C-alpha atoms as a PDB file:
ATOM      1  CA  MET A   1     -54.611 -47.291   4.947  1.00  0.00           C
ATOM      2  CA  SER A   2     -56.640 -47.024   1.479  1.00  0.00           C
ATOM      3  CA  ASN A   3     -56.448 -45.087  -0.665  1.00  0.00           C
ATOM      4  CA  SER A   4     -59.389 -42.911  -0.815  1.00  0.00           C
ATOM      5  CA  MET A   5     -57.681 -40.396   0.229  1.00  0.00           C
ATOM      6  CA  LYS A   6     -55.155 -39.922  -2.338  1.00  0.00           C
ATOM      7  CA  GLY A   7     -55.002 -36.276  -4.237  1.00  0.00           C
ATOM      8  CA  MET A   8     -57.059 -34.400  -1.260  1.00  0.00           C
ATOM      9  CA  SER A   9     -55.979 -31.481   0.278  1.00  0.00           C
ATOM     10  CA  LEU A  10     -56.273 -30.902   4.035  1.00  0.00           C
ATOM     11  CA  VAL A  11     -57.955 -27.070   4.342  1.00  0.00           C
ATOM     12  CA  THR A  12     -60.560 -27.031   6.851  1.00  0.00           C
ATOM     13  CA  LEU A  13     -60.380 -30.959   8.162  1.00  0.00           C
ATOM     14  CA  GLU A  14     -64.056 -30.522   6.828  1.00  0.00           C
ATOM     15  CA  GLU A  15     -62.967 -32.394   3.606  1.00  0.00           C
ATOM     16  CA  PHE A  16     -61.982 -35.491   5.706  1.00  0.00           C
ATOM     17  CA  SER A  17     -64.781 -38.501   6.522  1.00  0.00           C
ATOM     18  CA  SER A  18     -64.731 -39.561  10.131  1.00  0.00           C
ATOM     19  CA  GLU A  19     -63.268 -42.760   8.846  1.00  0.00           C
ATOM     20  CA  GLN A  20     -60.862 -40.649   7.381  1.00  0.00           C
ATOM     21  CA  ILE A  21     -59.870 -38.794   9.945  1.00  0.00           C
ATOM     22  CA  GLU A  22     -60.105 -41.752  12.183  1.00  0.00           C
ATOM     23  CA  ALA A  23     -57.056 -43.655  10.059  1.00  0.00           C
ATOM     24  CA  ILE A  24     -54.799 -41.077   9.606  1.00  0.00           C
ATOM     25  CA  VAL A  25     -54.884 -41.020  13.772  1.00  0.00           C
ATOM     26  CA  ALA A  26     -54.267 -44.606  13.793  1.00  0.00           C
ATOM     27  CA  GLN A  27     -51.659 -44.629  11.150  1.00  0.00           C
ATOM     28  CA  SER A  28     -49.871 -42.001  13.202  1.00  0.00           C
ATOM     29  CA  ILE A  29     -49.523 -43.985  15.892  1.00  0.00           C
ATOM     30  CA  GLU A  30     -48.203 -46.706  13.685  1.00  0.00           C
ATOM     31  CA  LEU A  31     -45.595 -44.215  11.923  1.00  0.00           C
ATOM     32  CA  LYS A  32     -44.519 -42.734  15.736  1.00  0.00           C
ATOM     33  CA  ARG A  33     -43.994 -46.158  16.936  1.00  0.00           C
ATOM     34  CA  LYS A  34     -41.702 -47.177  14.192  1.00  0.00           C
ATOM     35  CA  LYS A  35     -39.969 -43.600  14.193  1.00  0.00           C
ATOM     36  CA  GLN A  36     -39.224 -45.129  17.890  1.00  0.00           C
ATOM     37  CA  GLN A  37     -38.010 -48.585  17.045  1.00  0.00           C
ATOM     38  CA  ARG A  38     -35.409 -47.363  13.794  1.00  0.00           C
ATOM     39  CA  ILE A  39     -38.261 -47.867  11.237  1.00  0.00           C
ATOM     40  CA  PHE A  40     -38.684 -46.372   8.478  1.00  0.00           C
ATOM     41  CA  PRO A  41     -41.129 -46.894   5.514  1.00  0.00           C
ATOM     42  CA  ARG A  42     -39.782 -44.462   3.232  1.00  0.00           C
ATOM     43  CA  ALA A  43     -43.253 -44.436   1.696  1.00  0.00           C
ATOM     44  CA  LEU A  44     -42.066 -40.629   0.226  1.00  0.00           C
ATOM     45  CA  VAL A  45     -38.981 -41.534  -1.999  1.00  0.00           C
ATOM     46  CA  ASN A  46     -38.297 -38.456  -5.310  1.00  0.00           C
ATOM     47  CA  ARG A  47     -41.656 -36.877  -3.766  1.00  0.00           C
ATOM     48  CA  ASN A  48     -40.962 -33.664  -3.765  1.00  0.00           C
ATOM     49  CA  PHE A  49     -42.469 -31.014  -1.387  1.00  0.00           C
ATOM     50  CA  CYS A  50     -42.861 -27.353  -1.805  1.00  0.00           C
ATOM     51  CA  LEU A  51     -43.002 -25.773   2.067  1.00  0.00           C
ATOM     52  CA  ILE A  52     -44.318 -22.018   1.734  1.00  0.00           C
ATOM     53  CA  PHE A  53     -44.557 -20.378   5.172  1.00  0.00           C
ATOM     54  CA  LEU A  54     -46.105 -16.452   5.017  1.00  0.00           C
ATOM     55  CA  ARG A  55     -46.217 -16.333   8.685  1.00  0.00           C
ATOM     56  CA  PRO A  56     -43.703 -16.872  11.922  1.00  0.00           C
ATOM     57  CA  SER A  57     -43.588 -20.857  12.090  1.00  0.00           C
ATOM     58  CA  CYS A  58     -41.487 -23.319  14.241  1.00  0.00           C
ATOM     59  CA  ARG A  59     -43.239 -26.605  15.027  1.00  0.00           C
ATOM     60  CA  THR A  60     -45.494 -26.904  12.211  1.00  0.00           C
ATOM     61  CA  ARG A  61     -42.289 -26.241   9.918  1.00  0.00           C
ATOM     62  CA  ALA A  62     -40.047 -28.464  11.848  1.00  0.00           C
ATOM     63  CA  ALA A  63     -43.184 -31.297  11.553  1.00  0.00           C
ATOM     64  CA  PHE A  64     -43.348 -31.093   7.761  1.00  0.00           C
ATOM     65  CA  ALA A  65     -39.755 -30.770   7.056  1.00  0.00           C
ATOM     66  CA  VAL A  66     -38.471 -33.930   9.546  1.00  0.00           C
ATOM     67  CA  ALA A  67     -42.067 -35.856   8.134  1.00  0.00           C
ATOM     68  CA  ALA A  68     -41.183 -34.923   4.483  1.00  0.00           C
ATOM     69  CA  ALA A  69     -37.114 -36.814   5.081  1.00  0.00           C
ATOM     70  CA  ASP A  70     -38.307 -39.416   7.347  1.00  0.00           C
ATOM     71  CA  GLU A  71     -40.256 -40.926   4.688  1.00  0.00           C
ATOM     72  CA  GLY A  72     -37.052 -39.952   2.003  1.00  0.00           C
ATOM     73  CA  ALA A  73     -39.020 -36.882   0.351  1.00  0.00           C
ATOM     74  CA  ASN A  74     -37.146 -34.290  -0.292  1.00  0.00           C
ATOM     75  CA  ALA A  75     -39.167 -30.495   1.409  1.00  0.00           C
ATOM     76  CA  GLN A  76     -38.172 -27.513  -0.252  1.00  0.00           C
ATOM     77  CA  VAL A  77     -39.125 -24.316   1.406  1.00  0.00           C
ATOM     78  CA  ILE A  78     -39.875 -21.045  -0.225  1.00  0.00           C
ATOM     79  CA  ALA A  79     -39.352 -18.088   1.734  1.00  0.00           C
ATOM     80  CA  LYS A  80     -42.316 -15.238   1.373  1.00  0.00           C
ATOM     81  CA  GLU A  81     -40.060 -13.099  -0.259  1.00  0.00           C
ATOM     82  CA  GLU A  82     -39.550 -15.053  -2.945  1.00  0.00           C
ATOM     83  CA  ILE A  83     -43.362 -15.872  -3.936  1.00  0.00           C
ATOM     84  CA  ARG A  84     -46.096 -13.086  -3.691  1.00  0.00           C
ATOM     85  CA  PHE A  85     -49.004 -14.765  -4.247  1.00  0.00           C
ATOM     86  CA  GLY A  86     -51.482 -11.696  -5.996  1.00  0.00           C
ATOM     87  CA  GLN A  87     -49.175  -9.131  -6.483  1.00  0.00           C
ATOM     88  CA  GLY A  88     -46.917  -9.757  -9.248  1.00  0.00           C
ATOM     89  CA  GLU A  89     -48.309 -12.862 -10.613  1.00  0.00           C
ATOM     90  CA  SER A  90     -52.052 -14.051  -9.572  1.00  0.00           C
ATOM     91  CA  VAL A  91     -52.244 -16.851  -7.225  1.00  0.00           C
ATOM     92  CA  LYS A  92     -53.762 -19.473  -9.915  1.00  0.00           C
ATOM     93  CA  ASP A  93     -50.707 -19.313 -12.568  1.00  0.00           C
ATOM     94  CA  ILE A  94     -48.267 -19.514  -8.977  1.00  0.00           C
ATOM     95  CA  ALA A  95     -50.034 -22.729  -7.624  1.00  0.00           C
ATOM     96  CA  ARG A  96     -50.039 -24.346 -11.540  1.00  0.00           C
ATOM     97  CA  VAL A  97     -46.472 -24.137 -12.165  1.00  0.00           C
ATOM     98  CA  LEU A  98     -45.907 -25.457  -8.220  1.00  0.00           C
ATOM     99  CA  GLY A  99     -48.125 -28.066  -8.867  1.00  0.00           C
ATOM    100  CA  ARG A 100     -46.127 -28.801 -11.648  1.00  0.00           C
ATOM    101  CA  MET A 101     -42.964 -29.069 -10.018  1.00  0.00           C
ATOM    102  CA  PHE A 102     -44.158 -30.635  -6.654  1.00  0.00           C
ATOM    103  CA  ASP A 103     -45.806 -33.843  -5.478  1.00  0.00           C
ATOM    104  CA  GLY A 104     -47.477 -31.996  -2.656  1.00  0.00           C
ATOM    105  CA  ILE A 105     -47.504 -27.704  -1.106  1.00  0.00           C
ATOM    106  CA  ALA A 106     -47.869 -27.309   2.617  1.00  0.00           C
ATOM    107  CA  ILE A 107     -48.986 -23.548   3.302  1.00  0.00           C
ATOM    108  CA  ARG A 108     -49.015 -21.019   6.078  1.00  0.00           C
ATOM    109  CA  ALA A 109     -51.046 -17.994   5.620  1.00  0.00           C
ATOM    110  CA  TYR A 110     -53.082 -15.420   7.039  1.00  0.00           C
ATOM    111  CA  ASP A 111     -56.169 -15.786   5.177  1.00  0.00           C
ATOM    112  CA  ASN A 112     -57.690 -19.204   4.528  1.00  0.00           C
ATOM    113  CA  HIS A 113     -59.154 -18.465   0.710  1.00  0.00           C
ATOM    114  CA  LEU A 114     -55.676 -18.200   0.127  1.00  0.00           C
ATOM    115  CA  ILE A 115     -55.213 -21.873   0.663  1.00  0.00           C
ATOM    116  CA  GLU A 116     -58.372 -22.178  -0.672  1.00  0.00           C
ATOM    117  CA  GLU A 117     -57.130 -20.658  -4.673  1.00  0.00           C
ATOM    118  CA  VAL A 118     -54.097 -22.574  -4.396  1.00  0.00           C
ATOM    119  CA  ALA A 119     -55.884 -26.179  -3.618  1.00  0.00           C
ATOM    120  CA  GLU A 120     -58.310 -25.471  -6.793  1.00  0.00           C
ATOM    121  CA  HIS A 121     -55.351 -24.941  -9.037  1.00  0.00           C
ATOM    122  CA  ALA A 122     -52.784 -26.885  -8.069  1.00  0.00           C
ATOM    123  CA  GLY A 123     -53.140 -30.182  -8.703  1.00  0.00           C
ATOM    124  CA  VAL A 124     -51.529 -31.804  -6.039  1.00  0.00           C
ATOM    125  CA  PRO A 125     -52.356 -32.171  -2.635  1.00  0.00           C
ATOM    126  CA  VAL A 126     -52.266 -28.560  -0.407  1.00  0.00           C
ATOM    127  CA  TRP A 127     -51.869 -29.045   3.114  1.00  0.00           C
ATOM    128  CA  ASN A 128     -53.003 -25.662   5.347  1.00  0.00           C
ATOM    129  CA  ALA A 129     -50.393 -25.356   7.871  1.00  0.00           C
ATOM    130  CA  LEU A 130     -52.234 -22.828   9.414  1.00  0.00           C
ATOM    131  CA  SER A 131     -54.626 -19.735   8.555  1.00  0.00           C
ATOM    132  CA  GLU A 132     -56.373 -17.084  10.826  1.00  0.00           C
ATOM    133  CA  GLN A 133     -59.532 -19.214  10.102  1.00  0.00           C
ATOM    134  CA  HIS A 134     -58.265 -22.673  10.827  1.00  0.00           C
ATOM    135  CA  HIS A 135     -55.400 -25.021  11.867  1.00  0.00           C
ATOM    136  CA  PRO A 136     -56.248 -28.814  11.014  1.00  0.00           C
ATOM    137  CA  THR A 137     -52.423 -30.387  11.485  1.00  0.00           C
ATOM    138  CA  GLN A 138     -52.984 -28.983  14.857  1.00  0.00           C
ATOM    139  CA  ALA A 139     -56.209 -30.663  15.482  1.00  0.00           C
ATOM    140  CA  LEU A 140     -55.114 -34.344  13.849  1.00  0.00           C
ATOM    141  CA  ALA A 141     -52.516 -34.628  16.777  1.00  0.00           C
ATOM    142  CA  ASP A 142     -54.503 -33.723  19.481  1.00  0.00           C
ATOM    143  CA  LEU A 143     -56.950 -36.499  18.708  1.00  0.00           C
ATOM    144  CA  MET A 144     -53.945 -38.691  18.288  1.00  0.00           C
ATOM    145  CA  THR A 145     -52.682 -37.724  21.677  1.00  0.00           C
ATOM    146  CA  LEU A 146     -56.456 -38.280  23.385  1.00  0.00           C
ATOM    147  CA  GLN A 147     -56.188 -41.680  21.454  1.00  0.00           C
ATOM    148  CA  GLU A 148     -52.675 -43.023  23.022  1.00  0.00           C
ATOM    149  CA  ASN A 149     -53.618 -41.438  26.491  1.00  0.00           C
ATOM    150  CA  GLY A 150     -56.624 -44.184  26.141  1.00  0.00           C
ATOM    151  CA  ILE A 151     -59.631 -41.445  25.615  1.00  0.00           C
ATOM    152  CA  ARG A 152     -61.874 -43.129  23.421  1.00  0.00           C
ATOM    153  CA  LEU A 153     -62.385 -40.402  20.786  1.00  0.00           C
ATOM    154  CA  CYS A 154     -66.021 -41.083  20.207  1.00  0.00           C
ATOM    155  CA  GLY A 155     -67.450 -40.118  23.390  1.00  0.00           C
ATOM    156  CA  GLY A 156     -64.806 -38.702  25.496  1.00  0.00           C
ATOM    157  CA  LYS A 157     -64.656 -35.395  26.528  1.00  0.00           C
ATOM    158  CA  MET A 158     -62.097 -32.339  26.337  1.00  0.00           C
ATOM    159  CA  THR A 159     -62.109 -28.940  28.031  1.00  0.00           C
ATOM    160  CA  PHE A 160     -60.972 -26.017  25.854  1.00  0.00           C
ATOM    161  CA  ILE A 161     -60.519 -22.946  27.779  1.00  0.00           C
ATOM    162  CA  GLY A 162     -59.394 -20.036  25.350  1.00  0.00           C
ATOM    163  CA  GLU A 163     -60.675 -17.797  22.768  1.00  0.00           C
ATOM    164  CA  GLY A 164     -63.493 -18.943  21.509  1.00  0.00           C
ATOM    165  CA  LYS A 165     -63.282 -17.829  17.910  1.00  0.00           C
ATOM    166  CA  ALA A 166     -59.726 -18.728  17.005  1.00  0.00           C
ATOM    167  CA  ASN A 167     -58.697 -20.958  14.407  1.00  0.00           C
ATOM    168  CA  VAL A 168     -57.205 -23.830  16.770  1.00  0.00           C
ATOM    169  CA  ILE A 169     -60.688 -24.313  18.626  1.00  0.00           C
ATOM    170  CA  THR A 170     -62.506 -24.005  14.930  1.00  0.00           C
ATOM    171  CA  SER A 171     -60.891 -27.107  14.410  1.00  0.00           C
ATOM    172  CA  LEU A 172     -60.945 -29.209  17.062  1.00  0.00           C
ATOM    173  CA  MET A 173     -65.192 -28.009  16.656  1.00  0.00           C
ATOM    174  CA  VAL A 174     -64.721 -29.956  13.120  1.00  0.00           C
ATOM    175  CA  ALA A 175     -62.478 -32.428  14.427  1.00  0.00           C
ATOM    176  CA  ALA A 176     -65.072 -33.423  17.180  1.00  0.00           C
ATOM    177  CA  ALA A 177     -68.490 -33.071  15.504  1.00  0.00           C
ATOM    178  CA  LYS A 178     -66.510 -35.812  12.538  1.00  0.00           C
ATOM    179  CA  VAL A 179     -65.030 -38.325  15.538  1.00  0.00           C
ATOM    180  CA  GLY A 180     -68.301 -38.071  17.803  1.00  0.00           C
ATOM    181  CA  LEU A 181     -65.672 -35.721  20.380  1.00  0.00           C
ATOM    182  CA  GLU A 182     -67.553 -34.276  23.530  1.00  0.00           C
ATOM    183  CA  LEU A 183     -65.702 -30.276  22.968  1.00  0.00           C
ATOM    184  CA  ARG A 184     -66.691 -27.755  25.730  1.00  0.00           C
ATOM    185  CA  ILE A 185     -65.694 -24.260  25.144  1.00  0.00           C
ATOM    186  CA  VAL A 186     -64.809 -22.416  28.042  1.00  0.00           C
ATOM    187  CA  THR A 187     -64.695 -18.407  26.861  1.00  0.00           C
ATOM    188  CA  PRO A 188     -65.100 -15.202  28.322  1.00  0.00           C
ATOM    189  CA  PRO A 189     -68.273 -13.106  27.778  1.00  0.00           C
ATOM    190  CA  GLY A 190     -68.597 -12.347  24.144  1.00  0.00           C
ATOM    191  CA  HIS A 191     -65.618 -14.715  23.048  1.00  0.00           C
ATOM    192  CA  GLU A 192     -67.708 -17.208  22.207  1.00  0.00           C
ATOM    193  CA  PRO A 193     -67.756 -19.046  18.897  1.00  0.00           C
ATOM    194  CA  GLU A 194     -70.307 -18.765  16.053  1.00  0.00           C
ATOM    195  CA  PRO A 195     -74.094 -19.958  17.109  1.00  0.00           C
ATOM    196  CA  SER A 196     -74.342 -21.179  13.730  1.00  0.00           C
ATOM    197  CA  LEU A 197     -71.098 -22.548  12.848  1.00  0.00           C
ATOM    198  CA  VAL A 198     -71.553 -24.573  16.336  1.00  0.00           C
ATOM    199  CA  ASP A 199     -75.271 -26.117  14.773  1.00  0.00           C
ATOM    200  CA  ARG A 200     -73.730 -26.158  11.035  1.00  0.00           C
ATOM    201  CA  LEU A 201     -70.716 -28.339  12.298  1.00  0.00           C
ATOM    202  CA  LEU A 202     -73.254 -30.653  14.670  1.00  0.00           C
ATOM    203  CA  GLY A 203     -76.228 -30.184  12.073  1.00  0.00           C
ATOM    204  CA  TRP A 204     -74.059 -32.751   9.520  1.00  0.00           C
ATOM    205  CA  SER A 205     -72.110 -34.519  12.497  1.00  0.00           C
ATOM    206  CA  PRO A 206     -71.673 -38.105  11.273  1.00  0.00           C
ATOM    207  CA  ARG A 207     -71.375 -39.124  15.215  1.00  0.00           C
ATOM    208  CA  ASN A 208     -74.721 -38.986  17.198  1.00  0.00           C
ATOM    209  CA  GLN A 209     -72.497 -38.781  20.364  1.00  0.00           C
ATOM    210  CA  ALA A 210     -70.581 -35.796  19.196  1.00  0.00           C
ATOM    211  CA  ARG A 211     -71.288 -32.573  21.065  1.00  0.00           C
ATOM    212  CA  ILE A 212     -70.330 -28.847  21.442  1.00  0.00           C
ATOM    213  CA  LEU A 213     -70.996 -27.084  24.820  1.00  0.00           C
ATOM    214  CA  VAL A 214     -70.039 -23.283  24.455  1.00  0.00           C
ATOM    215  CA  THR A 215     -69.968 -21.683  28.424  1.00  0.00           C
ATOM    216  CA  ASN A 216     -68.544 -18.623  30.146  1.00  0.00           C
ATOM    217  CA  ASP A 217     -68.373 -20.920  33.140  1.00  0.00           C
ATOM    218  CA  LEU A 218     -65.108 -22.575  34.576  1.00  0.00           C
ATOM    219  CA  ARG A 219     -66.337 -25.579  36.197  1.00  0.00           C
ATOM    220  CA  GLU A 220     -69.076 -25.918  34.308  1.00  0.00           C
ATOM    221  CA  GLY A 221     -66.718 -26.979  31.838  1.00  0.00           C
ATOM    222  CA  LEU A 222     -64.193 -28.919  33.849  1.00  0.00           C
ATOM    223  CA  GLN A 223     -66.197 -31.050  35.580  1.00  0.00           C
ATOM    224  CA  GLY A 224     -66.229 -34.869  34.592  1.00  0.00           C
ATOM    225  CA  THR A 225     -63.997 -33.900  31.583  1.00  0.00           C
ATOM    226  CA  ASP A 226     -60.733 -36.321  30.093  1.00  0.00           C
ATOM    227  CA  ALA A 227     -58.480 -33.324  28.893  1.00  0.00           C
ATOM    228  CA  VAL A 228     -58.087 -29.830  29.748  1.00  0.00           C
ATOM    229  CA  TYR A 229     -56.899 -27.973  26.559  1.00  0.00           C
ATOM    230  CA  SER A 230     -55.583 -24.452  27.180  1.00  0.00           C
ATOM    231  CA  ASP A 231     -54.666 -22.058  24.395  1.00  0.00           C
ATOM    232  CA  MET A 232     -52.733 -18.545  24.399  1.00  0.00           C
ATOM    233  CA  TRP A 233     -55.400 -15.863  24.938  1.00  0.00           C
ATOM    234  CA  VAL A 234     -54.015 -13.020  23.003  1.00  0.00           C
ATOM    235  CA  PRO A 235     -51.828 -13.331  19.160  1.00  0.00           C
ATOM    236  CA  MET A 236     -48.022 -12.440  19.595  1.00  0.00           C
ATOM    237  CA  GLU A 237     -47.710 -10.404  16.051  1.00  0.00           C
ATOM    238  CA  GLY A 238     -49.455  -8.078  15.386  1.00  0.00           C
ATOM    239  CA  ASP A 239     -49.906  -4.569  16.379  1.00  0.00           C
ATOM    240  CA  TRP A 240     -52.345  -4.746  19.658  1.00  0.00           C
ATOM    241  CA  ASP A 241     -53.657  -3.610  22.869  1.00  0.00           C
ATOM    242  CA  ILE A 242     -52.666  -7.110  24.354  1.00  0.00           C
ATOM    243  CA  GLU A 243     -53.489  -5.974  28.469  1.00  0.00           C
ATOM    244  CA  ALA A 244     -57.107  -4.968  27.070  1.00  0.00           C
ATOM    245  CA  MET A 245     -56.603  -8.166  25.578  1.00  0.00           C
ATOM    246  CA  ALA A 246     -55.874 -10.419  28.410  1.00  0.00           C
ATOM    247  CA  ARG A 247     -58.258  -8.524  30.874  1.00  0.00           C
ATOM    248  CA  ASP A 248     -61.942 -10.627  29.857  1.00  0.00           C
ATOM    249  CA  PHE A 249     -59.712 -14.101  30.875  1.00  0.00           C
ATOM    250  CA  GLN A 250     -57.685 -13.356  33.981  1.00  0.00           C
ATOM    251  CA  PRO A 251     -60.285 -15.463  35.534  1.00  0.00           C
ATOM    252  CA  TYR A 252     -59.672 -18.926  32.819  1.00  0.00           C
ATOM    253  CA  ARG A 253     -55.997 -19.507  34.162  1.00  0.00           C
ATOM    254  CA  LEU A 254     -55.324 -22.696  34.485  1.00  0.00           C
ATOM    255  CA  THR A 255     -53.806 -23.257  37.829  1.00  0.00           C
ATOM    256  CA  ARG A 256     -53.555 -26.181  40.097  1.00  0.00           C
ATOM    257  CA  GLU A 257     -56.971 -25.289  41.563  1.00  0.00           C
ATOM    258  CA  ALA A 258     -58.618 -25.036  38.430  1.00  0.00           C
ATOM    259  CA  MET A 259     -57.917 -28.776  37.223  1.00  0.00           C
ATOM    260  CA  ALA A 260     -58.670 -29.813  40.454  1.00  0.00           C
ATOM    261  CA  MET A 261     -62.086 -28.661  38.813  1.00  0.00           C
ATOM    262  CA  THR A 262     -61.893 -32.176  36.453  1.00  0.00           C
ATOM    263  CA  GLU A 263     -62.746 -34.180  39.677  1.00  0.00           C
ATOM    264  CA  ASN A 264     -60.770 -36.192  37.781  1.00  0.00           C
ATOM    265  CA  PRO A 265     -57.232 -37.239  38.771  1.00  0.00           C
ATOM    266  CA  ASN A 266     -56.549 -38.872  35.138  1.00  0.00           C
ATOM    267  CA  ALA A 267     -56.802 -36.331  33.552  1.00  0.00           C
ATOM    268  CA  ILE A 268     -54.750 -35.115  31.099  1.00  0.00           C
ATOM    269  CA  PHE A 269     -53.639 -31.262  29.628  1.00  0.00           C
ATOM    270  CA  LEU A 270     -53.066 -30.394  26.514  1.00  0.00           C
ATOM    271  CA  HIS A 271     -51.816 -27.310  25.202  1.00  0.00           C
ATOM    272  CA  CYS A 272     -50.624 -26.179  21.259  1.00  0.00           C
ATOM    273  CA  MET A 273     -47.951 -24.093  21.493  1.00  0.00           C
ATOM    274  CA  PRO A 274     -46.584 -21.072  22.347  1.00  0.00           C
ATOM    275  CA  ALA A 275     -48.152 -21.154  25.943  1.00  0.00           C
ATOM    276  CA  GLN A 276     -47.416 -18.072  28.365  1.00  0.00           C
ATOM    277  CA  HIS A 277     -46.757 -20.707  31.321  1.00  0.00           C
ATOM    278  CA  ASN A 278     -43.825 -18.104  33.294  1.00  0.00           C
ATOM    279  CA  PHE A 279     -41.744 -14.925  32.974  1.00  0.00           C
ATOM    280  CA  GLU A 280     -38.974 -17.198  30.521  1.00  0.00           C
ATOM    281  CA  THR A 281     -40.019 -15.248  27.734  1.00  0.00           C
ATOM    282  CA  ALA A 282     -39.986 -11.328  26.665  1.00  0.00           C
ATOM    283  CA  PHE A 283     -43.882 -11.585  26.123  1.00  0.00           C
ATOM    284  CA  ALA A 284     -44.509 -12.882  28.924  1.00  0.00           C
ATOM    285  CA  ARG A 285     -42.336 -10.387  31.399  1.00  0.00           C
ATOM    286  CA  LYS A 286     -43.474  -7.340  28.650  1.00  0.00           C
ATOM    287  CA  PHE A 287     -47.286  -9.119  29.443  1.00  0.00           C
ATOM    288  CA  PRO A 288     -47.628 -10.347  33.132  1.00  0.00           C
ATOM    289  CA  SER A 289     -51.228 -10.626  32.585  1.00  0.00           C
ATOM    290  CA  THR A 290     -50.840 -13.030  29.756  1.00  0.00           C
ATOM    291  CA  ILE A 291     -50.173 -16.454  31.337  1.00  0.00           C
ATOM    292  CA  GLU A 292     -53.156 -18.387  30.906  1.00  0.00           C
ATOM    293  CA  VAL A 293     -51.955 -22.188  33.074  1.00  0.00           C
ATOM    294  CA  THR A 294     -49.523 -22.028  36.019  1.00  0.00           C
ATOM    295  CA  ASP A 295     -45.918 -23.563  35.842  1.00  0.00           C
ATOM    296  CA  GLU A 296     -47.517 -26.272  37.810  1.00  0.00           C
ATOM    297  CA  VAL A 297     -49.501 -27.390  35.622  1.00  0.00           C
ATOM    298  CA  PHE A 298     -47.853 -26.916  32.547  1.00  0.00           C
ATOM    299  CA  GLU A 299     -44.884 -28.293  33.948  1.00  0.00           C
ATOM    300  CA  GLY A 300     -46.802 -31.548  35.794  1.00  0.00           C
ATOM    301  CA  PRO A 301     -47.702 -35.151  35.856  1.00  0.00           C
ATOM    302  CA  ARG A 302     -50.346 -35.088  34.117  1.00  0.00           C
ATOM    303  CA  SER A 303     -48.925 -32.690  30.859  1.00  0.00           C
ATOM    304  CA  ARG A 304     -48.688 -33.703  27.814  1.00  0.00           C
ATOM    305  CA  ALA A 305     -47.957 -30.693  25.807  1.00  0.00           C
ATOM    306  CA  ILE A 306     -44.721 -31.493  24.413  1.00  0.00           C
ATOM    307  CA  ASP A 307     -45.423 -34.664  23.362  1.00  0.00           C
ATOM    308  CA  GLN A 308     -48.788 -33.365  21.630  1.00  0.00           C
ATOM    309  CA  ALA A 309     -45.875 -31.382  20.258  1.00  0.00           C
ATOM    310  CA  GLU A 310     -44.138 -33.827  18.610  1.00  0.00           C
ATOM    311  CA  ASN A 311     -47.355 -35.644  17.292  1.00  0.00           C
ATOM    312  CA  ARG A 312     -47.834 -32.776  14.902  1.00  0.00           C
ATOM    313  CA  LEU A 313     -44.441 -34.756  13.594  1.00  0.00           C
ATOM    314  CA  HIS A 314     -46.544 -37.806  12.982  1.00  0.00           C
ATOM    315  CA  THR A 315     -50.155 -36.530  11.944  1.00  0.00           C
ATOM    316  CA  ILE A 316     -48.593 -34.362   9.543  1.00  0.00           C
ATOM    317  CA  LYS A 317     -46.452 -37.653   8.459  1.00  0.00           C
ATOM    318  CA  SER A 318     -49.622 -39.736   7.677  1.00  0.00           C
ATOM    319  CA  VAL A 319     -51.438 -36.840   6.354  1.00  0.00           C
ATOM    320  CA  MET A 320     -48.521 -36.793   3.487  1.00  0.00           C
ATOM    321  CA  VAL A 321     -48.575 -40.369   3.012  1.00  0.00           C
ATOM    322  CA  ALA A 322     -52.102 -41.082   2.401  1.00  0.00           C
ATOM    323  CA  THR A 323     -52.840 -38.100   0.101  1.00  0.00           C
ATOM    324  CA  VAL A 324     -49.665 -38.610  -1.694  1.00  0.00           C
END
């Protein structure tokens, strides 16, 4: 890994070049191999990281904490009650103080503008641990999972089924445009990503193979794909009419029959999680119409969802090492 990323922040993934993204993924695979062999390079000894989670987190928070510990760094979690951006103290002031004390800052927030402002003033790398608009660390783990399953990033095909305006698919579109992936987005009418965003991403894509197809037709999106990516249809936070939100998505539930539409027996299944795939959660029992993938697919032999979740650890570790 070169020093070209040192000092960089990860806010939307647009900051990184194709080569830098590919280098992060390659290093992630190597760091995973070393961890499996109980080899720890300890590249971040005597470094201190600040983890700020203004909204719930399971995989991302665990990944940042373990990644820091594996490399010898100290990760300090600051609760949302202890840091109130813009209420009693400005974002700029908080960012500058934290930047003097920490070597990197991870933030999970509601609005991406907050993360951008902290990155502008902190003077140290700031990593987006999810916002309403972007989820870049998830997209990096997705690319890693594709590659370790023999799916080429440049020229490979992946199909996303779900809300076309969500943070996960937005970051996946950025990633696809950067590395040359063919990304199909299958979503109900009215849920498509903004056409201007698709055009902009493809307009500056450095890889001619990159293609983003948006369709309402399940078969069109699935045929010939290498990976099928499912996501929750509805949010679990906030006061929403969940049943009404899930109504449009009923024809898009991922079943064994839908997987067969790929006509590719080697197509893998991906999910960013949390996933509603059975009735073992209170949420699914309360809103049974929200189950986006059957248990048969989620637990099936082609599922890589748990590997994908683990890969959050390795890609976040790679980002930390590369930027600090």
